[in-house]
PDB file of N, CA and C in Angstrom:
ATOM      1  N   MET A   1     104.590 116.321  28.990  1.00  0.00           N
ATOM      2  CA  MET A   1     104.145 116.393  30.417  1.00  0.00           C
ATOM      3  C   MET A   1     105.342 116.160  31.234  1.00  0.00           C
ATOM      4  N   LYS A   2     105.454 117.039  32.272  1.00  0.00           N
ATOM      5  CA  LYS A   2     106.606 116.864  33.206  1.00  0.00           C
ATOM      6  C   LYS A   2     106.242 115.939  34.302  1.00  0.00           C
ATOM      7  N   THR A   3     107.268 115.384  34.882  1.00  0.00           N
ATOM      8  CA  THR A   3     107.073 114.412  35.964  1.00  0.00           C
ATOM      9  C   THR A   3     106.268 115.053  37.101  1.00  0.00           C
ATOM     10  N   SER A   4     106.514 116.266  37.388  1.00  0.00           N
ATOM     11  CA  SER A   4     105.865 116.974  38.512  1.00  0.00           C
ATOM     12  C   SER A   4     104.332 117.139  38.280  1.00  0.00           C
ATOM     13  N   SER A   5     103.921 117.001  37.014  1.00  0.00           N
ATOM     14  CA  SER A   5     102.492 117.162  36.648  1.00  0.00           C
ATOM     15  C   SER A   5     101.742 115.856  36.779  1.00  0.00           C
ATOM     16  N   ILE A   6     102.422 114.783  37.062  1.00  0.00           N
ATOM     17  CA  ILE A   6     101.721 113.491  37.176  1.00  0.00           C
ATOM     18  C   ILE A   6     101.074 113.429  38.564  1.00  0.00           C
ATOM     19  N   PRO A   7      99.754 113.207  38.576  1.00  0.00           N
ATOM     20  CA  PRO A   7      99.154 113.170  39.959  1.00  0.00           C
ATOM     21  C   PRO A   7      99.679 111.935  40.752  1.00  0.00           C
ATOM     22  N   ALA A   8      99.840 112.252  42.066  1.00  0.00           N
ATOM     23  CA  ALA A   8     100.300 111.292  43.011  1.00  0.00           C
ATOM     24  C   ALA A   8      99.247 110.806  43.898  1.00  0.00           C
ATOM     25  N   GLY A   9      99.657 110.140  45.029  1.00  0.00           N
ATOM     26  CA  GLY A   9      98.754 109.618  45.962  1.00  0.00           C
ATOM     27  C   GLY A   9      98.422 110.551  47.133  1.00  0.00           C
ATOM     28  N   THR A  10      97.892 110.032  48.158  1.00  0.00           N
ATOM     29  CA  THR A  10      97.483 110.815  49.304  1.00  0.00           C
ATOM     30  C   THR A  10      98.672 110.926  50.206  1.00  0.00           C
ATOM     31  N   VAL A  11      99.133 109.817  50.819  1.00  0.00           N
ATOM     32  CA  VAL A  11     100.299 109.843  51.675  1.00  0.00           C
ATOM     33  C   VAL A  11     101.611 109.950  50.862  1.00  0.00           C
ATOM     34  N   HIS A  12     101.637 109.167  49.829  1.00  0.00           N
ATOM     35  CA  HIS A  12     102.851 109.261  48.964  1.00  0.00           C
ATOM     36  C   HIS A  12     102.599 110.326  47.914  1.00  0.00           C
ATOM     37  N   SER A  13     103.017 111.545  48.219  1.00  0.00           N
ATOM     38  CA  SER A  13     102.613 112.742  47.467  1.00  0.00           C
ATOM     39  C   SER A  13     103.514 112.994  46.214  1.00  0.00           C
ATOM     40  N   LYS A  14     104.459 112.127  46.048  1.00  0.00           N
ATOM     41  CA  LYS A  14     105.393 112.285  44.855  1.00  0.00           C
ATOM     42  C   LYS A  14     105.412 110.917  44.171  1.00  0.00           C
ATOM     43  N   VAL A  15     105.328 110.984  42.862  1.00  0.00           N
ATOM     44  CA  VAL A  15     105.523 109.754  41.988  1.00  0.00           C
ATOM     45  C   VAL A  15     107.043 109.484  41.861  1.00  0.00           C
ATOM     46  N   PRO A  16     107.545 108.372  42.198  1.00  0.00           N
ATOM     47  CA  PRO A  16     108.997 108.103  42.043  1.00  0.00           C
ATOM     48  C   PRO A  16     109.381 108.231  40.578  1.00  0.00           C
ATOM     49  N   SER A  17     110.566 108.705  40.359  1.00  0.00           N
ATOM     50  CA  SER A  17     111.005 108.970  38.943  1.00  0.00           C
ATOM     51  C   SER A  17     110.941 107.820  38.014  1.00  0.00           C
ATOM     52  N   ASP A  18     111.302 106.645  38.528  1.00  0.00           N
ATOM     53  CA  ASP A  18     111.306 105.433  37.619  1.00  0.00           C
ATOM     54  C   ASP A  18     109.860 105.027  37.265  1.00  0.00           C
ATOM     55  N   LEU A  19     108.899 105.222  38.170  1.00  0.00           N
ATOM     56  CA  LEU A  19     107.443 104.956  37.946  1.00  0.00           C
ATOM     57  C   LEU A  19     106.949 106.013  36.951  1.00  0.00           C
ATOM     58  N   ALA A  20     107.306 107.250  37.224  1.00  0.00           N
ATOM     59  CA  ALA A  20     106.859 108.380  36.305  1.00  0.00           C
ATOM     60  C   ALA A  20     107.393 108.153  34.870  1.00  0.00           C
ATOM     61  N   ASP A  21     108.621 107.662  34.755  1.00  0.00           N
ATOM     62  CA  ASP A  21     109.138 107.401  33.402  1.00  0.00           C
ATOM     63  C   ASP A  21     108.343 106.372  32.631  1.00  0.00           C
ATOM     64  N   MET A  22     107.921 105.373  33.367  1.00  0.00           N
ATOM     65  CA  MET A  22     107.109 104.335  32.780  1.00  0.00           C
ATOM     66  C   MET A  22     105.783 104.912  32.358  1.00  0.00           C
ATOM     67  N   LEU A  23     105.168 105.706  33.235  1.00  0.00           N
ATOM     68  CA  LEU A  23     103.835 106.347  32.924  1.00  0.00           C
ATOM     69  C   LEU A  23     103.950 107.177  31.689  1.00  0.00           C
ATOM     70  N   LEU A  24     104.976 108.017  31.624  1.00  0.00           N
ATOM     71  CA  LEU A  24     105.215 108.860  30.447  1.00  0.00           C
ATOM     72  C   LEU A  24     105.466 108.092  29.155  1.00  0.00           C
ATOM     73  N   ARG A  25     106.035 106.906  29.320  1.00  0.00           N
ATOM     74  CA  ARG A  25     106.390 106.103  28.093  1.00  0.00           C
ATOM     75  C   ARG A  25     105.195 105.439  27.545  1.00  0.00           C
ATOM     76  N   TYR A  26     104.160 105.049  28.388  1.00  0.00           N
ATOM     77  CA  TYR A  26     103.014 104.308  27.906  1.00  0.00           C
ATOM     78  C   TYR A  26     101.763 105.086  28.151  1.00  0.00           C
ATOM     79  N   SER A  27     101.152 105.472  27.121  1.00  0.00           N
ATOM     80  CA  SER A  27      99.937 106.320  27.168  1.00  0.00           C
ATOM     81  C   SER A  27      98.720 105.614  27.791  1.00  0.00           C
ATOM     82  N   ASP A  28      98.673 104.303  27.529  1.00  0.00           N
ATOM     83  CA  ASP A  28      97.542 103.515  28.124  1.00  0.00           C
ATOM     84  C   ASP A  28      97.686 103.468  29.667  1.00  0.00           C
ATOM     85  N   SER A  29      98.848 103.299  30.088  1.00  0.00           N
ATOM     86  CA  SER A  29      98.999 103.336  31.643  1.00  0.00           C
ATOM     87  C   SER A  29      98.819 104.715  32.194  1.00  0.00           C
ATOM     88  N   MET A  30      99.233 105.755  31.502  1.00  0.00           N
ATOM     89  CA  MET A  30      99.028 107.120  31.910  1.00  0.00           C
ATOM     90  C   MET A  30      97.550 107.469  32.003  1.00  0.00           C
ATOM     91  N   LYS A  31      96.840 107.039  30.992  1.00  0.00           N
ATOM     92  CA  LYS A  31      95.383 107.277  30.901  1.00  0.00           C
ATOM     93  C   LYS A  31      94.753 106.559  32.115  1.00  0.00           C
ATOM     94  N   ALA A  32      95.104 105.373  32.397  1.00  0.00           N
ATOM     95  CA  ALA A  32      94.542 104.637  33.480  1.00  0.00           C
ATOM     96  C   ALA A  32      94.944 105.302  34.798  1.00  0.00           C
ATOM     97  N   TRP A  33      96.191 105.718  34.931  1.00  0.00           N
ATOM     98  CA  TRP A  33      96.691 106.362  36.178  1.00  0.00           C
ATOM     99  C   TRP A  33      95.853 107.651  36.488  1.00  0.00           C
ATOM    100  N   ASN A  34      95.543 108.369  35.421  1.00  0.00           N
ATOM    101  CA  ASN A  34      94.855 109.643  35.623  1.00  0.00           C
ATOM    102  C   ASN A  34      93.331 109.342  35.959  1.00  0.00           C
ATOM    103  N   ASP A  35      92.848 108.150  35.640  1.00  0.00           N
ATOM    104  CA  ASP A  35      91.503 107.755  35.905  1.00  0.00           C
ATOM    105  C   ASP A  35      91.265 107.195  37.314  1.00  0.00           C
ATOM    106  N   ILE A  36      92.341 106.717  37.969  1.00  0.00           N
ATOM    107  CA  ILE A  36      92.114 106.141  39.286  1.00  0.00           C
ATOM    108  C   ILE A  36      92.172 107.189  40.354  1.00  0.00           C
ATOM    109  N   THR A  37      91.681 106.812  41.495  1.00  0.00           N
ATOM    110  CA  THR A  37      91.652 107.828  42.624  1.00  0.00           C
ATOM    111  C   THR A  37      93.025 108.022  43.298  1.00  0.00           C
ATOM    112  N   PRO A  38      93.120 109.130  44.017  1.00  0.00           N
ATOM    113  CA  PRO A  38      94.381 109.350  44.728  1.00  0.00           C
ATOM    114  C   PRO A  38      94.766 108.217  45.664  1.00  0.00           C
ATOM    115  N   LEU A  39      93.788 107.624  46.280  1.00  0.00           N
ATOM    116  CA  LEU A  39      94.053 106.453  47.225  1.00  0.00           C
ATOM    117  C   LEU A  39      94.569 105.302  46.406  1.00  0.00           C
ATOM    118  N   ALA A  40      94.045 105.031  45.209  1.00  0.00           N
ATOM    119  CA  ALA A  40      94.540 103.935  44.431  1.00  0.00           C
ATOM    120  C   ALA A  40      95.951 104.224  43.915  1.00  0.00           C
ATOM    121  N   ARG A  41      96.208 105.447  43.514  1.00  0.00           N
ATOM    122  CA  ARG A  41      97.604 105.809  43.106  1.00  0.00           C
ATOM    123  C   ARG A  41      98.550 105.614  44.270  1.00  0.00           C
ATOM    124  N   ASN A  42      98.074 106.025  45.441  1.00  0.00           N
ATOM    125  CA  ASN A  42      98.899 105.728  46.596  1.00  0.00           C
ATOM    126  C   ASN A  42      99.301 104.351  46.835  1.00  0.00           C
ATOM    127  N   GLU A  43      98.376 103.380  46.552  1.00  0.00           N
ATOM    128  CA  GLU A  43      98.698 101.965  46.676  1.00  0.00           C
ATOM    129  C   GLU A  43      99.770 101.589  45.733  1.00  0.00           C
ATOM    130  N   TRP A  44      99.656 102.031  44.455  1.00  0.00           N
ATOM    131  CA  TRP A  44     100.702 101.653  43.468  1.00  0.00           C
ATOM    132  C   TRP A  44     102.045 102.230  43.891  1.00  0.00           C
ATOM    133  N   ILE A  45     102.076 103.459  44.290  1.00  0.00           N
ATOM    134  CA  ILE A  45     103.384 104.049  44.655  1.00  0.00           C
ATOM    135  C   ILE A  45     103.962 103.322  45.829  1.00  0.00           C
ATOM    136  N   CYS A  46     103.147 103.044  46.845  1.00  0.00           N
ATOM    137  CA  CYS A  46     103.675 102.378  48.079  1.00  0.00           C
ATOM    138  C   CYS A  46     104.201 100.938  47.646  1.00  0.00           C
ATOM    139  N   TRP A  47     103.447 100.211  46.762  1.00  0.00           N
ATOM    140  CA  TRP A  47     103.772  98.890  46.364  1.00  0.00           C
ATOM    141  C   TRP A  47     105.194  98.980  45.678  1.00  0.00           C
ATOM    142  N   VAL A  48     105.396  99.872  44.795  1.00  0.00           N
ATOM    143  CA  VAL A  48     106.684 100.000  44.150  1.00  0.00           C
ATOM    144  C   VAL A  48     107.751 100.349  45.152  1.00  0.00           C
ATOM    145  N   GLU A  49     107.493 101.368  45.964  1.00  0.00           N
ATOM    146  CA  GLU A  49     108.594 101.797  46.944  1.00  0.00           C
ATOM    147  C   GLU A  49     108.850 100.770  48.009  1.00  0.00           C
ATOM    148  N   ASN A  50     107.907  99.861  48.250  1.00  0.00           N
ATOM    149  CA  ASN A  50     108.099  98.903  49.274  1.00  0.00           C
ATOM    150  C   ASN A  50     109.142  97.775  48.891  1.00  0.00           C
ATOM    151  N   ALA A  51     109.438  97.644  47.574  1.00  0.00           N
ATOM    152  CA  ALA A  51     110.389  96.650  47.103  1.00  0.00           C
ATOM    153  C   ALA A  51     111.739  96.912  47.745  1.00  0.00           C
ATOM    154  N   LYS A  52     112.293  95.733  48.224  1.00  0.00           N
ATOM    155  CA  LYS A  52     113.621  95.890  48.843  1.00  0.00           C
ATOM    156  C   LYS A  52     114.791  95.760  47.849  1.00  0.00           C
ATOM    157  N   LEU A  53     114.572  94.929  46.839  1.00  0.00           N
ATOM    158  CA  LEU A  53     115.617  94.767  45.846  1.00  0.00           C
ATOM    159  C   LEU A  53     115.299  95.605  44.608  1.00  0.00           C
ATOM    160  N   ILE A  54     116.314  96.032  43.873  1.00  0.00           N
ATOM    161  CA  ILE A  54     116.096  96.744  42.675  1.00  0.00           C
ATOM    162  C   ILE A  54     115.410  95.973  41.578  1.00  0.00           C
ATOM    163  N   ASP A  55     115.728  94.644  41.510  1.00  0.00           N
ATOM    164  CA  ASP A  55     115.009  93.734  40.494  1.00  0.00           C
ATOM    165  C   ASP A  55     113.608  93.641  40.862  1.00  0.00           C
ATOM    166  N   THR A  56     113.211  93.650  42.084  1.00  0.00           N
ATOM    167  CA  THR A  56     111.797  93.497  42.509  1.00  0.00           C
ATOM    168  C   THR A  56     111.123  94.784  42.110  1.00  0.00           C
ATOM    169  N   ARG A  57     111.713  95.920  42.401  1.00  0.00           N
ATOM    170  CA  ARG A  57     111.195  97.189  42.060  1.00  0.00           C
ATOM    171  C   ARG A  57     110.931  97.333  40.511  1.00  0.00           C
ATOM    172  N   LYS A  58     111.905  96.916  39.714  1.00  0.00           N
ATOM    173  CA  LYS A  58     111.742  96.902  38.211  1.00  0.00           C
ATOM    174  C   LYS A  58     110.544  96.039  37.806  1.00  0.00           C
ATOM    175  N   ARG A  59     110.422  94.838  38.461  1.00  0.00           N
ATOM    176  CA  ARG A  59     109.324  93.945  38.070  1.00  0.00           C
ATOM    177  C   ARG A  59     108.002  94.588  38.490  1.00  0.00           C
ATOM    178  N   ARG A  60     108.013  95.264  39.662  1.00  0.00           N
ATOM    179  CA  ARG A  60     106.720  95.910  40.039  1.00  0.00           C
ATOM    180  C   ARG A  60     106.337  97.032  39.170  1.00  0.00           C
ATOM    181  N   ILE A  61     107.276  97.776  38.681  1.00  0.00           N
ATOM    182  CA  ILE A  61     107.036  98.860  37.728  1.00  0.00           C
ATOM    183  C   ILE A  61     106.459  98.304  36.419  1.00  0.00           C
ATOM    184  N   LYS A  62     107.036  97.228  35.953  1.00  0.00           N
ATOM    185  CA  LYS A  62     106.601  96.496  34.750  1.00  0.00           C
ATOM    186  C   LYS A  62     105.205  96.033  34.976  1.00  0.00           C
ATOM    187  N   ARG A  63     104.955  95.377  36.124  1.00  0.00           N
ATOM    188  CA  ARG A  63     103.560  94.914  36.403  1.00  0.00           C
ATOM    189  C   ARG A  63     102.558  96.069  36.601  1.00  0.00           C
ATOM    190  N   THR A  64     103.010  97.131  37.063  1.00  0.00           N
ATOM    191  CA  THR A  64     102.136  98.358  37.171  1.00  0.00           C
ATOM    192  C   THR A  64     101.634  98.752  35.793  1.00  0.00           C
ATOM    193  N   HIS A  65     102.579  98.769  34.842  1.00  0.00           N
ATOM    194  CA  HIS A  65     102.139  99.086  33.500  1.00  0.00           C
ATOM    195  C   HIS A  65     101.176  98.085  32.894  1.00  0.00           C
ATOM    196  N   GLU A  66     101.517  96.776  33.063  1.00  0.00           N
ATOM    197  CA  GLU A  66     100.623  95.767  32.575  1.00  0.00           C
ATOM    198  C   GLU A  66      99.217  95.733  33.261  1.00  0.00           C
ATOM    199  N   GLU A  67      99.238  95.857  34.554  1.00  0.00           N
ATOM    200  CA  GLU A  67      97.941  95.741  35.256  1.00  0.00           C
ATOM    201  C   GLU A  67      97.098  96.953  35.063  1.00  0.00           C
ATOM    202  N   LEU A  68      97.706  98.110  34.991  1.00  0.00           N
ATOM    203  CA  LEU A  68      96.946  99.352  34.629  1.00  0.00           C
ATOM    204  C   LEU A  68      96.321  99.238  33.244  1.00  0.00           C
ATOM    205  N   ALA A  69      97.138  98.706  32.295  1.00  0.00           N
ATOM    206  CA  ALA A  69      96.702  98.526  30.960  1.00  0.00           C
ATOM    207  C   ALA A  69      95.554  97.491  30.833  1.00  0.00           C
ATOM    208  N   GLU A  70      95.588  96.578  31.791  1.00  0.00           N
ATOM    209  CA  GLU A  70      94.448  95.552  31.786  1.00  0.00           C
ATOM    210  C   GLU A  70      93.199  96.059  32.516  1.00  0.00           C
ATOM    211  N   GLY A  71      93.303  97.171  33.133  1.00  0.00           N
ATOM    212  CA  GLY A  71      92.149  97.747  33.810  1.00  0.00           C
ATOM    213  C   GLY A  71      92.082  97.634  35.237  1.00  0.00           C
ATOM    214  N   LEU A  72      93.204  96.997  35.858  1.00  0.00           N
ATOM    215  CA  LEU A  72      93.217  96.918  37.355  1.00  0.00           C
ATOM    216  C   LEU A  72      93.409  98.261  37.947  1.00  0.00           C
ATOM    217  N   ARG A  73      92.777  98.508  39.017  1.00  0.00           N
ATOM    218  CA  ARG A  73      92.849  99.837  39.664  1.00  0.00           C
ATOM    219  C   ARG A  73      93.744  99.886  40.887  1.00  0.00           C
ATOM    220  N   ARG A  74      94.106  98.665  41.427  1.00  0.00           N
ATOM    221  CA  ARG A  74      95.009  98.547  42.517  1.00  0.00           C
ATOM    222  C   ARG A  74      95.891  97.361  42.315  1.00  0.00           C
ATOM    223  N   PRO A  75      97.039  97.396  42.937  1.00  0.00           N
ATOM    224  CA  PRO A  75      97.981  96.307  42.840  1.00  0.00           C
ATOM    225  C   PRO A  75      97.331  94.946  43.294  1.00  0.00           C
ATOM    226  N   CYS A  76      97.510  93.904  42.533  1.00  0.00           N
ATOM    227  CA  CYS A  76      96.993  92.650  42.823  1.00  0.00           C
ATOM    228  C   CYS A  76      97.768  92.039  44.037  1.00  0.00           C
ATOM    229  N   CYS A  77      96.957  91.478  44.942  1.00  0.00           N
ATOM    230  CA  CYS A  77      97.633  90.745  46.073  1.00  0.00           C
ATOM    231  C   CYS A  77      98.467  91.636  47.042  1.00  0.00           C
ATOM    232  N   TRP A  78      98.064  92.864  47.133  1.00  0.00           N
ATOM    233  CA  TRP A  78      98.779  93.863  48.041  1.00  0.00           C
ATOM    234  C   TRP A  78      97.843  94.195  49.128  1.00  0.00           C
ATOM    235  N   PRO A  79      98.314  93.942  50.408  1.00  0.00           N
ATOM    236  CA  PRO A  79      97.452  94.229  51.525  1.00  0.00           C
ATOM    237  C   PRO A  79      97.119  95.682  51.695  1.00  0.00           C
ATOM    238  N   GLY A  80      97.795  96.613  51.065  1.00  0.00           N
ATOM    239  CA  GLY A  80      97.514  98.021  51.146  1.00  0.00           C
ATOM    240  C   GLY A  80      98.679  98.768  51.774  1.00  0.00           C
ATOM    241  N   CYS A  81      98.615 100.080  51.632  1.00  0.00           N
ATOM    242  CA  CYS A  81      99.731 100.915  52.079  1.00  0.00           C
ATOM    243  C   CYS A  81      99.658 100.989  53.633  1.00  0.00           C
ATOM    244  N   LEU A  82     100.799 100.717  54.235  1.00  0.00           N
ATOM    245  CA  LEU A  82     100.953 100.632  55.664  1.00  0.00           C
ATOM    246  C   LEU A  82     101.078 102.070  56.176  1.00  0.00           C
ATOM    247  N   HIS A  83     101.266 103.032  55.368  1.00  0.00           N
ATOM    248  CA  HIS A  83     101.497 104.410  55.801  1.00  0.00           C
ATOM    249  C   HIS A  83     100.161 105.221  56.000  1.00  0.00           C
ATOM    250  N   ARG A  84      99.074 104.680  55.491  1.00  0.00           N
ATOM    251  CA  ARG A  84      97.754 105.338  55.614  1.00  0.00           C
ATOM    252  C   ARG A  84      97.268 105.347  57.083  1.00  0.00           C
ATOM    253  N   GLU A  85      96.561 106.422  57.455  1.00  0.00           N
ATOM    254  CA  GLU A  85      95.966 106.327  58.686  1.00  0.00           C
ATOM    255  C   GLU A  85      94.508 105.875  58.466  1.00  0.00           C
ATOM    256  N   LYS A  86      93.725 105.691  59.490  1.00  0.00           N
ATOM    257  CA  LYS A  86      92.377 105.212  59.392  1.00  0.00           C
ATOM    258  C   LYS A  86      91.469 106.081  58.605  1.00  0.00           C
ATOM    259  N   ASN A  87      91.712 107.384  58.639  1.00  0.00           N
ATOM    260  CA  ASN A  87      90.862 108.307  57.980  1.00  0.00           C
ATOM    261  C   ASN A  87      91.157 108.423  56.463  1.00  0.00           C
ATOM    262  N   GLY A  88      92.075 107.609  55.975  1.00  0.00           N
ATOM    263  CA  GLY A  88      92.322 107.569  54.499  1.00  0.00           C
ATOM    264  C   GLY A  88      93.403 108.510  54.052  1.00  0.00           C
ATOM    265  N   LYS A  89      94.056 109.170  54.988  1.00  0.00           N
ATOM    266  CA  LYS A  89      95.171 110.063  54.571  1.00  0.00           C
ATOM    267  C   LYS A  89      96.427 109.565  55.103  1.00  0.00           C
TER     268      LYS A  89
END
């Protein structure tokens, strides 16, 4: 599966390459990723991209794998994507 074929979010229409690499590496996370809504994927992408430090970004990608594998559909303790408009796009 190519990175470009990984479904993305609504506002964040591309999956960052480091997040895509993780999804391609772990089939359980990829399965969960494909099962969540575009709005939920948007939240994960925004959460990862919102990290200011590279170490924080790496931790968030690791947590994305762990939390998707546990069945969580959105990032824990994340207020939500600041880039979304009120109509959900």
